[in-house]
Amino acid sequence: MSESMLIAVSMVLSLSILAGAALVMWQGWLALKLRELDTARGSPEHFGGSREGAARIEIADLKERIRKLEAIASGVDL
């Protein structure tokens, strides 16, 4: 095998190793971002609840906030 052939084979091999490592890092980064999104959303499955229960709690929280804002707008002390 000539010297130039050896260099070419080693370059292709190192390029494929680097591409494989980059692919593994990319998949890890995507998995991390997916976990961050699930945590930020507060996914009910993560806490063992249902989506309907979480939606009801959120609606009740929004109604309470609206009541407080209406009280502030009308000048009522809470």
PDB file of N, CA and C in Angstrom:
ATOM      1  N   MET A   1       0.846  -1.167   0.000  1.00  0.00           N
ATOM      2  CA  MET A   1       0.000   0.000   0.000  1.00  0.00           C
ATOM      3  C   MET A   1       0.896   1.236   0.000  1.00  0.00           C
ATOM      4  N   SER A   2       0.569   2.183  -0.832  1.00  0.00           N
ATOM      5  CA  SER A   2       1.399   3.385  -0.909  1.00  0.00           C
ATOM      6  C   SER A   2       1.064   4.331   0.239  1.00  0.00           C
ATOM      7  N   GLU A   3       1.941   5.284   0.408  1.00  0.00           N
ATOM      8  CA  GLU A   3       1.784   6.242   1.505  1.00  0.00           C
ATOM      9  C   GLU A   3       0.526   7.102   1.322  1.00  0.00           C
ATOM     10  N   SER A   4       0.259   7.530   0.111  1.00  0.00           N
ATOM     11  CA  SER A   4      -0.925   8.363  -0.139  1.00  0.00           C
ATOM     12  C   SER A   4      -2.211   7.568   0.087  1.00  0.00           C
ATOM     13  N   MET A   5      -2.203   6.284  -0.238  1.00  0.00           N
ATOM     14  CA  MET A   5      -3.371   5.441   0.003  1.00  0.00           C
ATOM     15  C   MET A   5      -3.610   5.272   1.501  1.00  0.00           C
ATOM     16  N   LEU A   6      -2.534   5.103   2.251  1.00  0.00           N
ATOM     17  CA  LEU A   6      -2.635   4.974   3.696  1.00  0.00           C
ATOM     18  C   LEU A   6      -3.199   6.251   4.318  1.00  0.00           C
ATOM     19  N   ILE A   7      -2.769   7.393   3.839  1.00  0.00           N
ATOM     20  CA  ILE A   7      -3.270   8.682   4.341  1.00  0.00           C
ATOM     21  C   ILE A   7      -4.759   8.827   4.002  1.00  0.00           C
ATOM     22  N   ALA A   8      -5.139   8.461   2.804  1.00  0.00           N
ATOM     23  CA  ALA A   8      -6.536   8.572   2.391  1.00  0.00           C
ATOM     24  C   ALA A   8      -7.439   7.671   3.229  1.00  0.00           C
ATOM     25  N   VAL A   9      -7.015   6.450   3.469  1.00  0.00           N
ATOM     26  CA  VAL A   9      -7.807   5.518   4.275  1.00  0.00           C
ATOM     27  C   VAL A   9      -7.933   6.015   5.708  1.00  0.00           C
ATOM     28  N   SER A  10      -6.834   6.520   6.263  1.00  0.00           N
ATOM     29  CA  SER A  10      -6.885   7.010   7.639  1.00  0.00           C
ATOM     30  C   SER A  10      -7.760   8.259   7.752  1.00  0.00           C
ATOM     31  N   MET A  11      -7.769   9.106   6.709  1.00  0.00           N
ATOM     32  CA  MET A  11      -8.630  10.293   6.728  1.00  0.00           C
ATOM     33  C   MET A  11     -10.107   9.897   6.671  1.00  0.00           C
ATOM     34  N   VAL A  12     -10.432   8.942   5.836  1.00  0.00           N
ATOM     35  CA  VAL A  12     -11.821   8.483   5.742  1.00  0.00           C
ATOM     36  C   VAL A  12     -12.252   7.844   7.052  1.00  0.00           C
ATOM     37  N   LEU A  13     -11.381   7.054   7.649  1.00  0.00           N
ATOM     38  CA  LEU A  13     -11.694   6.415   8.920  1.00  0.00           C
ATOM     39  C   LEU A  13     -11.889   7.441  10.027  1.00  0.00           C
ATOM     40  N   SER A  14     -10.999   8.432  10.105  1.00  0.00           N
ATOM     41  CA  SER A  14     -11.156   9.445  11.153  1.00  0.00           C
ATOM     42  C   SER A  14     -12.385  10.314  10.911  1.00  0.00           C
ATOM     43  N   LEU A  15     -12.699  10.587   9.662  1.00  0.00           N
ATOM     44  CA  LEU A  15     -13.899  11.355   9.365  1.00  0.00           C
ATOM     45  C   LEU A  15     -15.155  10.593   9.772  1.00  0.00           C
ATOM     46  N   SER A  16     -15.191   9.306   9.536  1.00  0.00           N
ATOM     47  CA  SER A  16     -16.359   8.514   9.929  1.00  0.00           C
ATOM     48  C   SER A  16     -16.468   8.409  11.444  1.00  0.00           C
ATOM     49  N   ILE A  17     -15.352   8.338  12.159  1.00  0.00           N
ATOM     50  CA  ILE A  17     -15.395   8.310  13.620  1.00  0.00           C
ATOM     51  C   ILE A  17     -15.925   9.631  14.154  1.00  0.00           C
ATOM     52  N   LEU A  18     -15.440  10.748  13.592  1.00  0.00           N
ATOM     53  CA  LEU A  18     -15.918  12.064  14.027  1.00  0.00           C
ATOM     54  C   LEU A  18     -17.405  12.251  13.713  1.00  0.00           C
ATOM     55  N   ALA A  19     -17.850  11.781  12.573  1.00  0.00           N
ATOM     56  CA  ALA A  19     -19.268  11.897  12.210  1.00  0.00           C
ATOM     57  C   ALA A  19     -20.136  11.068  13.153  1.00  0.00           C
ATOM     58  N   GLY A  20     -19.665   9.876  13.510  1.00  0.00           N
ATOM     59  CA  GLY A  20     -20.413   9.042  14.460  1.00  0.00           C
ATOM     60  C   GLY A  20     -20.500   9.675  15.830  1.00  0.00           C
ATOM     61  N   ALA A  21     -19.390  10.262  16.286  1.00  0.00           N
ATOM     62  CA  ALA A  21     -19.394  10.944  17.593  1.00  0.00           C
ATOM     63  C   ALA A  21     -20.319  12.154  17.567  1.00  0.00           C
ATOM     64  N   ALA A  22     -20.296  12.903  16.470  1.00  0.00           N
ATOM     65  CA  ALA A  22     -21.173  14.065  16.354  1.00  0.00           C
ATOM     66  C   ALA A  22     -22.638  13.643  16.359  1.00  0.00           C
ATOM     67  N   LEU A  23     -22.950  12.525  15.718  1.00  0.00           N
ATOM     68  CA  LEU A  23     -24.321  12.026  15.698  1.00  0.00           C
ATOM     69  C   LEU A  23     -24.789  11.633  17.101  1.00  0.00           C
ATOM     70  N   VAL A  24     -23.924  10.977  17.856  1.00  0.00           N
ATOM     71  CA  VAL A  24     -24.274  10.593  19.223  1.00  0.00           C
ATOM     72  C   VAL A  24     -24.478  11.836  20.086  1.00  0.00           C
ATOM     73  N   MET A  25     -23.632  12.833  19.928  1.00  0.00           N
ATOM     74  CA  MET A  25     -23.785  14.076  20.702  1.00  0.00           C
ATOM     75  C   MET A  25     -25.073  14.797  20.314  1.00  0.00           C
ATOM     76  N   TRP A  26     -25.404  14.816  19.033  1.00  0.00           N
ATOM     77  CA  TRP A  26     -26.631  15.464  18.565  1.00  0.00           C
ATOM     78  C   TRP A  26     -27.863  14.788  19.164  1.00  0.00           C
ATOM     79  N   GLN A  27     -27.878  13.462  19.181  1.00  0.00           N
ATOM     80  CA  GLN A  27     -29.009  12.736  19.761  1.00  0.00           C
ATOM     81  C   GLN A  27     -29.117  12.998  21.260  1.00  0.00           C
ATOM     82  N   GLY A  28     -27.987  13.086  21.940  1.00  0.00           N
ATOM     83  CA  GLY A  28     -28.005  13.409  23.361  1.00  0.00           C
ATOM     84  C   GLY A  28     -28.533  14.802  23.619  1.00  0.00           C
ATOM     85  N   TRP A  29     -28.133  15.761  22.775  1.00  0.00           N
ATOM     86  CA  TRP A  29     -28.601  17.125  22.935  1.00  0.00           C
ATOM     87  C   TRP A  29     -30.107  17.213  22.702  1.00  0.00           C
ATOM     88  N   LEU A  30     -30.597  16.498  21.683  1.00  0.00           N
ATOM     89  CA  LEU A  30     -32.039  16.490  21.426  1.00  0.00           C
ATOM     90  C   LEU A  30     -32.810  15.860  22.587  1.00  0.00           C
ATOM     91  N   ALA A  31     -32.276  14.796  23.159  1.00  0.00           N
ATOM     92  CA  ALA A  31     -32.931  14.155  24.303  1.00  0.00           C
ATOM     93  C   ALA A  31     -32.962  15.112  25.496  1.00  0.00           C
ATOM     94  N   LEU A  32     -31.873  15.861  25.698  1.00  0.00           N
ATOM     95  CA  LEU A  32     -31.832  16.835  26.790  1.00  0.00           C
ATOM     96  C   LEU A  32     -32.878  17.921  26.590  1.00  0.00           C
ATOM     97  N   LYS A  33     -32.983  18.449  25.381  1.00  0.00           N
ATOM     98  CA  LYS A  33     -33.963  19.500  25.111  1.00  0.00           C
ATOM     99  C   LYS A  33     -35.387  18.974  25.260  1.00  0.00           C
ATOM    100  N   LEU A  34     -35.623  17.737  24.874  1.00  0.00           N
ATOM    101  CA  LEU A  34     -36.945  17.139  25.039  1.00  0.00           C
ATOM    102  C   LEU A  34     -37.308  17.025  26.511  1.00  0.00           C
ATOM    103  N   ARG A  35     -36.344  16.615  27.332  1.00  0.00           N
ATOM    104  CA  ARG A  35     -36.592  16.540  28.782  1.00  0.00           C
ATOM    105  C   ARG A  35     -36.835  17.916  29.373  1.00  0.00           C
ATOM    106  N   GLU A  36     -36.101  18.939  28.897  1.00  0.00           N
ATOM    107  CA  GLU A  36     -36.316  20.303  29.376  1.00  0.00           C
ATOM    108  C   GLU A  36     -37.717  20.790  29.020  1.00  0.00           C
ATOM    109  N   LEU A  37     -38.164  20.493  27.813  1.00  0.00           N
ATOM    110  CA  LEU A  37     -39.507  20.892  27.410  1.00  0.00           C
ATOM    111  C   LEU A  37     -40.571  20.193  28.244  1.00  0.00           C
ATOM    112  N   ASP A  38     -40.387  18.912  28.508  1.00  0.00           N
ATOM    113  CA  ASP A  38     -41.344  18.176  29.329  1.00  0.00           C
ATOM    114  C   ASP A  38     -41.392  18.739  30.740  1.00  0.00           C
ATOM    115  N   THR A  39     -40.246  19.099  31.276  1.00  0.00           N
ATOM    116  CA  THR A  39     -40.187  19.663  32.622  1.00  0.00           C
ATOM    117  C   THR A  39     -40.817  21.049  32.653  1.00  0.00           C
ATOM    118  N   ALA A  40     -40.540  21.862  31.638  1.00  0.00           N
ATOM    119  CA  ALA A  40     -41.085  23.220  31.589  1.00  0.00           C
ATOM    120  C   ALA A  40     -42.601  23.197  31.418  1.00  0.00           C
ATOM    121  N   ARG A  41     -43.084  22.242  30.658  1.00  0.00           N
ATOM    122  CA  ARG A  41     -44.533  22.110  30.463  1.00  0.00           C
ATOM    123  C   ARG A  41     -45.202  21.556  31.700  1.00  0.00           C
ATOM    124  N   GLY A  42     -44.415  20.914  32.566  1.00  0.00           N
ATOM    125  CA  GLY A  42     -45.003  20.280  33.740  1.00  0.00           C
ATOM    126  C   GLY A  42     -45.899  19.142  33.325  1.00  0.00           C
ATOM    127  N   SER A  43     -45.385  18.260  32.496  1.00  0.00           N
ATOM    128  CA  SER A  43     -46.212  17.194  31.947  1.00  0.00           C
ATOM    129  C   SER A  43     -46.866  16.387  33.055  1.00  0.00           C
ATOM    130  N   PRO A  44     -48.179  16.217  33.006  1.00  0.00           N
ATOM    131  CA  PRO A  44     -48.904  15.495  34.048  1.00  0.00           C
ATOM    132  C   PRO A  44     -48.472  14.041  34.166  1.00  0.00           C
ATOM    133  N   GLU A  45     -48.037  13.436  33.066  1.00  0.00           N
ATOM    134  CA  GLU A  45     -47.597  12.049  33.138  1.00  0.00           C
ATOM    135  C   GLU A  45     -46.368  11.926  34.040  1.00  0.00           C
ATOM    136  N   HIS A  46     -45.565  12.990  34.049  1.00  0.00           N
ATOM    137  CA  HIS A  46     -44.354  12.983  34.880  1.00  0.00           C
ATOM    138  C   HIS A  46     -44.728  12.945  36.365  1.00  0.00           C
ATOM    139  N   PHE A  47     -45.832  13.597  36.709  1.00  0.00           N
ATOM    140  CA  PHE A  47     -46.257  13.648  38.103  1.00  0.00           C
ATOM    141  C   PHE A  47     -47.293  12.586  38.435  1.00  0.00           C
ATOM    142  N   GLY A  48     -47.664  11.784  37.492  1.00  0.00           N
ATOM    143  CA  GLY A  48     -48.605  10.705  37.737  1.00  0.00           C
ATOM    144  C   GLY A  48     -50.060  11.122  37.647  1.00  0.00           C
ATOM    145  N   GLY A  49     -50.353  12.324  37.154  1.00  0.00           N
ATOM    146  CA  GLY A  49     -51.727  12.777  37.031  1.00  0.00           C
ATOM    147  C   GLY A  49     -52.228  12.651  35.612  1.00  0.00           C
ATOM    148  N   SER A  50     -53.408  13.200  35.383  1.00  0.00           N
ATOM    149  CA  SER A  50     -53.964  13.151  34.035  1.00  0.00           C
ATOM    150  C   SER A  50     -53.967  14.556  33.449  1.00  0.00           C
ATOM    151  N   ARG A  51     -54.122  14.637  32.162  1.00  0.00           N
ATOM    152  CA  ARG A  51     -54.153  15.937  31.485  1.00  0.00           C
ATOM    153  C   ARG A  51     -55.410  16.711  31.879  1.00  0.00           C
ATOM    154  N   GLU A  52     -56.522  16.009  32.043  1.00  0.00           N
ATOM    155  CA  GLU A  52     -57.776  16.678  32.401  1.00  0.00           C
ATOM    156  C   GLU A  52     -57.680  17.318  33.778  1.00  0.00           C
ATOM    157  N   GLY A  53     -57.079  16.623  34.705  1.00  0.00           N
ATOM    158  CA  GLY A  53     -56.922  17.178  36.052  1.00  0.00           C
ATOM    159  C   GLY A  53     -56.034  18.405  36.054  1.00  0.00           C
ATOM    160  N   ALA A  54     -54.956  18.343  35.293  1.00  0.00           N
ATOM    161  CA  ALA A  54     -54.053  19.487  35.204  1.00  0.00           C
ATOM    162  C   ALA A  54     -54.750  20.670  34.545  1.00  0.00           C
ATOM    163  N   ALA A  55     -55.578  20.403  33.536  1.00  0.00           N
ATOM    164  CA  ALA A  55     -56.300  21.474  32.861  1.00  0.00           C
ATOM    165  C   ALA A  55     -57.309  22.122  33.806  1.00  0.00           C
ATOM    166  N   ARG A  56     -57.977  21.317  34.617  1.00  0.00           N
ATOM    167  CA  ARG A  56     -58.944  21.871  35.581  1.00  0.00           C
ATOM    168  C   ARG A  56     -58.254  22.750  36.611  1.00  0.00           C
ATOM    169  N   ILE A  57     -57.116  22.318  37.079  1.00  0.00           N
ATOM    170  CA  ILE A  57     -56.361  23.117  38.052  1.00  0.00           C
ATOM    171  C   ILE A  57     -55.925  24.426  37.422  1.00  0.00           C
ATOM    172  N   GLU A  58     -55.462  24.361  36.186  1.00  0.00           N
ATOM    173  CA  GLU A  58     -55.024  25.574  35.497  1.00  0.00           C
ATOM    174  C   GLU A  58     -56.191  26.529  35.273  1.00  0.00           C
ATOM    175  N   ILE A  59     -57.350  26.015  34.911  1.00  0.00           N
ATOM    176  CA  ILE A  59     -58.529  26.856  34.711  1.00  0.00           C
ATOM    177  C   ILE A  59     -58.952  27.498  36.027  1.00  0.00           C
ATOM    178  N   ALA A  60     -58.916  26.738  37.103  1.00  0.00           N
ATOM    179  CA  ALA A  60     -59.280  27.294  38.406  1.00  0.00           C
ATOM    180  C   ALA A  60     -58.300  28.394  38.808  1.00  0.00           C
ATOM    181  N   ASP A  61     -57.022  28.188  38.518  1.00  0.00           N
ATOM    182  CA  ASP A  61     -56.018  29.201  38.822  1.00  0.00           C
ATOM    183  C   ASP A  61     -56.265  30.465  38.008  1.00  0.00           C
ATOM    184  N   LEU A  62     -56.594  30.306  36.741  1.00  0.00           N
ATOM    185  CA  LEU A  62     -56.869  31.469  35.900  1.00  0.00           C
ATOM    186  C   LEU A  62     -58.113  32.218  36.376  1.00  0.00           C
ATOM    187  N   LYS A  63     -59.153  31.477  36.787  1.00  0.00           N
ATOM    188  CA  LYS A  63     -60.366  32.131  37.303  1.00  0.00           C
ATOM    189  C   LYS A  63     -60.057  32.933  38.557  1.00  0.00           C
ATOM    190  N   GLU A  64     -59.225  32.382  39.423  1.00  0.00           N
ATOM    191  CA  GLU A  64     -58.839  33.092  40.647  1.00  0.00           C
ATOM    192  C   GLU A  64     -58.066  34.361  40.314  1.00  0.00           C
ATOM    193  N   ARG A  65     -57.190  34.292  39.351  1.00  0.00           N
ATOM    194  CA  ARG A  65     -56.437  35.478  38.938  1.00  0.00           C
ATOM    195  C   ARG A  65     -57.364  36.538  38.361  1.00  0.00           C
ATOM    196  N   ILE A  66     -58.354  36.107  37.575  1.00  0.00           N
ATOM    197  CA  ILE A  66     -59.313  37.062  37.003  1.00  0.00           C
ATOM    198  C   ILE A  66     -60.107  37.735  38.112  1.00  0.00           C
ATOM    199  N   ARG A  67     -60.546  36.949  39.115  1.00  0.00           N
ATOM    200  CA  ARG A  67     -61.281  37.531  40.239  1.00  0.00           C
ATOM    201  C   ARG A  67     -60.451  38.579  40.957  1.00  0.00           C
ATOM    202  N   LYS A  68     -59.164  38.282  41.168  1.00  0.00           N
ATOM    203  CA  LYS A  68     -58.284  39.232  41.854  1.00  0.00           C
ATOM    204  C   LYS A  68     -58.086  40.489  41.018  1.00  0.00           C
ATOM    205  N   LEU A  69     -57.911  40.334  39.711  1.00  0.00           N
ATOM    206  CA  LEU A  69     -57.725  41.503  38.860  1.00  0.00           C
ATOM    207  C   LEU A  69     -58.986  42.347  38.797  1.00  0.00           C
ATOM    208  N   GLU A  70     -60.157  41.709  38.776  1.00  0.00           N
ATOM    209  CA  GLU A  70     -61.408  42.453  38.776  1.00  0.00           C
ATOM    210  C   GLU A  70     -61.584  43.212  40.082  1.00  0.00           C
ATOM    211  N   ALA A  71     -61.188  42.592  41.178  1.00  0.00           N
ATOM    212  CA  ALA A  71     -61.268  43.273  42.484  1.00  0.00           C
ATOM    213  C   ALA A  71     -60.336  44.460  42.528  1.00  0.00           C
ATOM    214  N   ILE A  72     -59.149  44.310  41.987  1.00  0.00           N
ATOM    215  CA  ILE A  72     -58.219  45.433  41.960  1.00  0.00           C
ATOM    216  C   ILE A  72     -58.758  46.552  41.083  1.00  0.00           C
ATOM    217  N   ALA A  73     -59.333  46.180  39.929  1.00  0.00           N
ATOM    218  CA  ALA A  73     -59.870  47.189  39.020  1.00  0.00           C
ATOM    219  C   ALA A  73     -61.045  47.942  39.622  1.00  0.00           C
ATOM    220  N   SER A  74     -61.848  47.271  40.448  1.00  0.00           N
ATOM    221  CA  SER A  74     -63.004  47.952  41.044  1.00  0.00           C
ATOM    222  C   SER A  74     -62.632  48.646  42.340  1.00  0.00           C
ATOM    223  N   GLY A  75     -61.413  48.483  42.814  1.00  0.00           N
ATOM    224  CA  GLY A  75     -60.948  49.183  44.014  1.00  0.00           C
ATOM    225  C   GLY A  75     -61.255  48.459  45.293  1.00  0.00           C
ATOM    226  N   VAL A  76     -61.628  47.225  45.261  1.00  0.00           N
ATOM    227  CA  VAL A  76     -61.930  46.442  46.455  1.00  0.00           C
ATOM    228  C   VAL A  76     -60.637  45.935  47.046  1.00  0.00           C
ATOM    229  N   ASP A  77     -60.507  46.044  48.362  1.00  0.00           N
ATOM    230  CA  ASP A  77     -59.314  45.531  49.043  1.00  0.00           C
ATOM    231  C   ASP A  77     -59.491  44.032  49.310  1.00  0.00           C
ATOM    232  N   LEU A  78     -58.469  43.261  49.002  1.00  0.00           N
ATOM    233  CA  LEU A  78     -58.540  41.831  49.243  1.00  0.00           C
ATOM    234  C   LEU A  78     -57.915  41.459  50.561  1.00  0.00           C
TER     235      LEU A  78
END
